[in-house]
Every structure is written in C-alpha cells, then in structure tokens.
C-alpha cells in the first residue's frame, strides 16, 4: 500500500463526473438522460460507474453536448481562440 495515494473512486456522483469530464452539471445530466453514459440510483442519488465513463470517453466518435460537435473539436477550437 502506498501512503498518501488518493483513493480512486469507482462510483461517481454527477458533480464528480462533471469535474472529471470538464463540463457542467447540465451536460452530465443530458448525457445520463440520453443514456449515453449508464447510471443507477441509490435512493434518490444518481451514481455513475467509472468503468462506464472510461468506456464512453474511449469510444471513437463519441459526442458531448455542444451543437453535435465532437468533444475533441470543442477542446481544440477553444485552444485556438
């Protein structure tokens, strides 16, 4: 065991997912509503498995809200401005 190593969460909240993806909560809830990223509830709390997020991010051609433009284009376009 390595001391001072932050524990990696295997289940994320929508706020944690937004931080991980670098987007807003509205975008996260849109992705969840459209079932582009699977989620489940614990009582009234929505949770997302990290492996599902990593699968979503790694699949080629995935889109994130923003006029239907690929996420990579959004990031590159913002960097060019």
N, C-alpha and C. Protein backbone atom coordinates (compact mmCIF):
# COMPACT_ATOMS: atom_id res chain seq x y z
N UNK A 1 0.85 -1.18 0.00
CA UNK A 1 0.00 0.00 0.00
C UNK A 1 0.89 1.24 0.00
N UNK A 2 0.56 2.22 -0.86
CA UNK A 2 1.34 3.44 -0.97
C UNK A 2 0.69 4.51 -0.12
N UNK A 3 1.42 5.08 0.85
CA UNK A 3 0.83 6.14 1.67
C UNK A 3 0.63 7.41 0.84
N UNK A 4 -0.32 8.22 1.24
CA UNK A 4 -0.63 9.50 0.60
C UNK A 4 -1.15 9.36 -0.83
N UNK A 5 -1.47 8.17 -1.27
CA UNK A 5 -2.04 8.00 -2.61
C UNK A 5 -3.55 8.19 -2.50
N UNK A 6 -4.10 9.14 -3.26
CA UNK A 6 -5.55 9.35 -3.17
C UNK A 6 -6.29 8.12 -3.65
N UNK A 7 -7.37 7.79 -2.94
CA UNK A 7 -8.16 6.62 -3.31
C UNK A 7 -9.00 6.95 -4.53
N UNK A 8 -8.95 6.11 -5.51
CA UNK A 8 -9.70 6.31 -6.74
C UNK A 8 -11.12 5.79 -6.53
N UNK A 9 -12.09 6.64 -6.75
CA UNK A 9 -13.49 6.25 -6.59
C UNK A 9 -13.95 5.46 -7.80
N UNK A 10 -14.62 4.36 -7.56
CA UNK A 10 -15.14 3.54 -8.65
C UNK A 10 -16.56 3.96 -9.03
N UNK A 11 -17.21 4.73 -8.17
CA UNK A 11 -18.56 5.23 -8.43
C UNK A 11 -18.53 6.75 -8.23
N UNK A 12 -19.08 7.48 -9.20
CA UNK A 12 -19.04 8.93 -9.18
C UNK A 12 -20.44 9.53 -9.06
N UNK A 13 -20.51 10.70 -8.48
CA UNK A 13 -21.75 11.48 -8.47
C UNK A 13 -21.76 12.31 -9.76
N UNK A 14 -22.90 12.87 -10.14
CA UNK A 14 -22.93 13.74 -11.32
C UNK A 14 -21.96 14.92 -11.21
N UNK A 15 -21.82 15.51 -10.03
CA UNK A 15 -20.87 16.61 -9.85
C UNK A 15 -19.43 16.15 -10.07
N UNK A 16 -19.09 14.98 -9.55
CA UNK A 16 -17.74 14.44 -9.75
C UNK A 16 -17.51 14.11 -11.22
N UNK A 17 -18.53 13.61 -11.90
CA UNK A 17 -18.41 13.31 -13.32
C UNK A 17 -18.20 14.59 -14.12
N UNK A 18 -18.92 15.64 -13.78
CA UNK A 18 -18.75 16.92 -14.47
C UNK A 18 -17.32 17.43 -14.31
N UNK A 19 -16.78 17.31 -13.12
CA UNK A 19 -15.40 17.73 -12.89
C UNK A 19 -14.43 16.86 -13.69
N UNK A 20 -14.66 15.56 -13.70
CA UNK A 20 -13.80 14.63 -14.43
C UNK A 20 -13.80 14.92 -15.93
N UNK A 21 -14.99 15.20 -16.49
CA UNK A 21 -15.11 15.47 -17.92
C UNK A 21 -14.79 16.92 -18.28
N UNK A 22 -14.77 17.79 -17.28
CA UNK A 22 -14.51 19.20 -17.54
C UNK A 22 -15.69 19.88 -18.21
N UNK A 23 -16.89 19.51 -17.78
CA UNK A 23 -18.10 20.11 -18.33
C UNK A 23 -19.03 20.48 -17.17
N UNK A 24 -20.19 21.00 -17.50
CA UNK A 24 -21.14 21.41 -16.48
C UNK A 24 -22.09 20.29 -16.09
N UNK A 25 -22.79 20.52 -14.98
CA UNK A 25 -23.77 19.53 -14.50
C UNK A 25 -24.88 19.31 -15.51
N UNK A 26 -25.30 20.38 -16.19
CA UNK A 26 -26.37 20.25 -17.18
C UNK A 26 -25.97 19.27 -18.28
N UNK A 27 -24.74 19.37 -18.75
CA UNK A 27 -24.25 18.46 -19.78
C UNK A 27 -24.23 17.03 -19.27
N UNK A 28 -23.79 16.84 -18.03
CA UNK A 28 -23.76 15.50 -17.45
C UNK A 28 -25.17 14.92 -17.38
N UNK A 29 -26.13 15.68 -16.88
CA UNK A 29 -27.49 15.17 -16.79
C UNK A 29 -28.08 14.89 -18.17
N UNK A 30 -27.68 15.66 -19.19
CA UNK A 30 -28.13 15.39 -20.55
C UNK A 30 -27.56 14.06 -21.04
N UNK A 31 -26.27 13.82 -20.79
CA UNK A 31 -25.65 12.54 -21.17
C UNK A 31 -26.33 11.36 -20.47
N UNK A 32 -26.67 11.55 -19.21
CA UNK A 32 -27.34 10.48 -18.45
C UNK A 32 -28.76 10.28 -18.94
N UNK A 33 -29.47 11.37 -19.20
CA UNK A 33 -30.86 11.28 -19.67
C UNK A 33 -30.92 10.58 -21.02
N UNK A 34 -29.96 10.87 -21.89
CA UNK A 34 -29.90 10.26 -23.22
C UNK A 34 -29.31 8.84 -23.17
N UNK A 35 -28.91 8.41 -21.98
CA UNK A 35 -28.32 7.08 -21.76
C UNK A 35 -27.05 6.85 -22.56
N UNK A 36 -26.33 7.94 -22.80
CA UNK A 36 -25.04 7.81 -23.46
C UNK A 36 -24.00 7.33 -22.47
N UNK A 37 -24.23 7.62 -21.19
CA UNK A 37 -23.44 7.07 -20.09
C UNK A 37 -24.44 6.42 -19.14
N UNK A 38 -24.32 5.12 -18.88
CA UNK A 38 -25.25 4.45 -17.97
C UNK A 38 -25.11 4.97 -16.54
N UNK A 39 -26.20 4.95 -15.82
CA UNK A 39 -26.18 5.35 -14.42
C UNK A 39 -27.20 4.53 -13.64
N UNK A 40 -27.13 4.66 -12.33
CA UNK A 40 -28.10 3.98 -11.47
C UNK A 40 -28.39 4.88 -10.28
N UNK A 41 -29.43 4.55 -9.54
CA UNK A 41 -29.77 5.36 -8.37
C UNK A 41 -29.59 4.55 -7.10
N UNK A 42 -29.22 5.26 -6.07
CA UNK A 42 -29.15 4.72 -4.71
C UNK A 42 -30.09 5.62 -3.92
N UNK A 43 -31.28 5.13 -3.65
CA UNK A 43 -32.30 6.00 -3.06
C UNK A 43 -32.64 7.07 -4.09
N UNK A 44 -32.42 8.33 -3.74
CA UNK A 44 -32.68 9.44 -4.67
C UNK A 44 -31.40 9.93 -5.35
N UNK A 45 -30.28 9.31 -5.05
CA UNK A 45 -28.99 9.77 -5.57
C UNK A 45 -28.62 9.04 -6.85
N UNK A 46 -28.21 9.79 -7.85
CA UNK A 46 -27.77 9.21 -9.11
C UNK A 46 -26.28 8.94 -9.03
N UNK A 47 -25.84 7.77 -9.50
CA UNK A 47 -24.42 7.39 -9.46
C UNK A 47 -24.01 6.79 -10.80
N UNK A 48 -22.72 6.95 -11.13
CA UNK A 48 -22.18 6.51 -12.40
C UNK A 48 -20.91 5.71 -12.13
N UNK A 49 -20.82 4.52 -12.73
CA UNK A 49 -19.62 3.70 -12.55
C UNK A 49 -18.48 4.27 -13.39
N UNK A 50 -17.28 4.35 -12.81
CA UNK A 50 -16.12 4.90 -13.50
C UNK A 50 -15.84 4.12 -14.79
N UNK A 51 -15.99 2.80 -14.77
CA UNK A 51 -15.71 2.00 -15.97
C UNK A 51 -16.63 2.39 -17.12
N UNK A 52 -17.89 2.78 -16.83
CA UNK A 52 -18.80 3.24 -17.88
C UNK A 52 -18.36 4.58 -18.45
N UNK A 53 -17.85 5.45 -17.59
CA UNK A 53 -17.34 6.75 -18.04
C UNK A 53 -16.12 6.54 -18.92
N UNK A 54 -15.20 5.70 -18.49
CA UNK A 54 -13.99 5.45 -19.27
C UNK A 54 -14.32 4.82 -20.61
N UNK A 55 -15.32 3.95 -20.64
CA UNK A 55 -15.75 3.35 -21.91
C UNK A 55 -16.31 4.44 -22.82
N UNK A 56 -17.13 5.33 -22.28
CA UNK A 56 -17.71 6.42 -23.07
C UNK A 56 -16.61 7.31 -23.64
N UNK A 57 -15.65 7.67 -22.82
CA UNK A 57 -14.58 8.58 -23.24
C UNK A 57 -13.68 7.92 -24.29
N UNK A 58 -13.44 6.62 -24.17
CA UNK A 58 -12.51 5.95 -25.06
C UNK A 58 -13.11 5.55 -26.41
N UNK A 59 -14.44 5.51 -26.51
CA UNK A 59 -15.06 5.11 -27.77
C UNK A 59 -14.90 6.20 -28.81
N UNK A 60 -14.38 5.84 -29.99
CA UNK A 60 -14.22 6.85 -31.05
C UNK A 60 -15.57 7.36 -31.52
N UNK A 61 -15.61 8.65 -31.84
CA UNK A 61 -16.83 9.24 -32.38
C UNK A 61 -17.84 9.65 -31.34
N UNK A 62 -17.50 9.55 -30.07
CA UNK A 62 -18.45 9.97 -29.03
C UNK A 62 -18.62 11.48 -29.09
N UNK A 63 -19.84 11.91 -28.87
CA UNK A 63 -20.13 13.33 -28.87
C UNK A 63 -20.54 13.77 -27.49
N UNK A 64 -20.20 14.98 -27.15
CA UNK A 64 -20.68 15.60 -25.92
C UNK A 64 -21.50 16.81 -26.35
N UNK A 65 -22.53 17.12 -25.60
CA UNK A 65 -23.41 18.23 -25.94
C UNK A 65 -22.61 19.45 -26.33
N UNK A 66 -23.07 20.15 -27.31
CA UNK A 66 -22.38 21.34 -27.78
C UNK A 66 -22.61 21.48 -29.27
N UNK A 67 -23.85 21.36 -29.69
CA UNK A 67 -24.17 21.50 -31.09
C UNK A 67 -23.80 20.29 -31.92
N UNK A 68 -23.59 19.15 -31.28
CA UNK A 68 -23.28 17.95 -32.03
C UNK A 68 -21.84 17.86 -32.50
N UNK A 69 -20.98 18.78 -32.05
CA UNK A 69 -19.58 18.73 -32.46
C UNK A 69 -18.84 17.75 -31.57
N UNK A 70 -17.89 17.00 -32.13
CA UNK A 70 -17.11 16.09 -31.30
C UNK A 70 -16.39 16.84 -30.20
N UNK A 71 -16.26 16.19 -29.05
CA UNK A 71 -15.61 16.79 -27.89
C UNK A 71 -14.22 17.28 -28.23
N UNK A 72 -13.46 16.51 -28.99
CA UNK A 72 -12.10 16.89 -29.34
C UNK A 72 -12.10 18.20 -30.11
N UNK A 73 -13.05 18.38 -31.03
CA UNK A 73 -13.12 19.63 -31.76
C UNK A 73 -13.43 20.80 -30.85
N UNK A 74 -14.29 20.58 -29.85
CA UNK A 74 -14.60 21.64 -28.90
C UNK A 74 -13.34 22.07 -28.16
N UNK A 75 -12.57 21.10 -27.71
CA UNK A 75 -11.36 21.41 -26.96
C UNK A 75 -10.34 22.09 -27.85
N UNK A 76 -10.13 21.57 -29.06
CA UNK A 76 -9.18 22.17 -29.97
C UNK A 76 -9.63 23.57 -30.38
N UNK A 77 -10.91 23.72 -30.64
CA UNK A 77 -11.44 25.03 -31.05
C UNK A 77 -11.26 26.07 -29.97
N UNK A 78 -11.46 25.68 -28.72
CA UNK A 78 -11.28 26.62 -27.61
C UNK A 78 -9.82 26.98 -27.45
N UNK A 79 -8.93 26.03 -27.71
CA UNK A 79 -7.50 26.29 -27.57
C UNK A 79 -7.00 27.23 -28.66
N UNK A 80 -7.65 27.19 -29.84
CA UNK A 80 -7.23 28.01 -30.96
C UNK A 80 -7.64 29.47 -30.80
N UNK A 81 -8.63 29.74 -29.98
CA UNK A 81 -9.14 31.11 -29.82
C UNK A 81 -8.27 31.94 -28.95
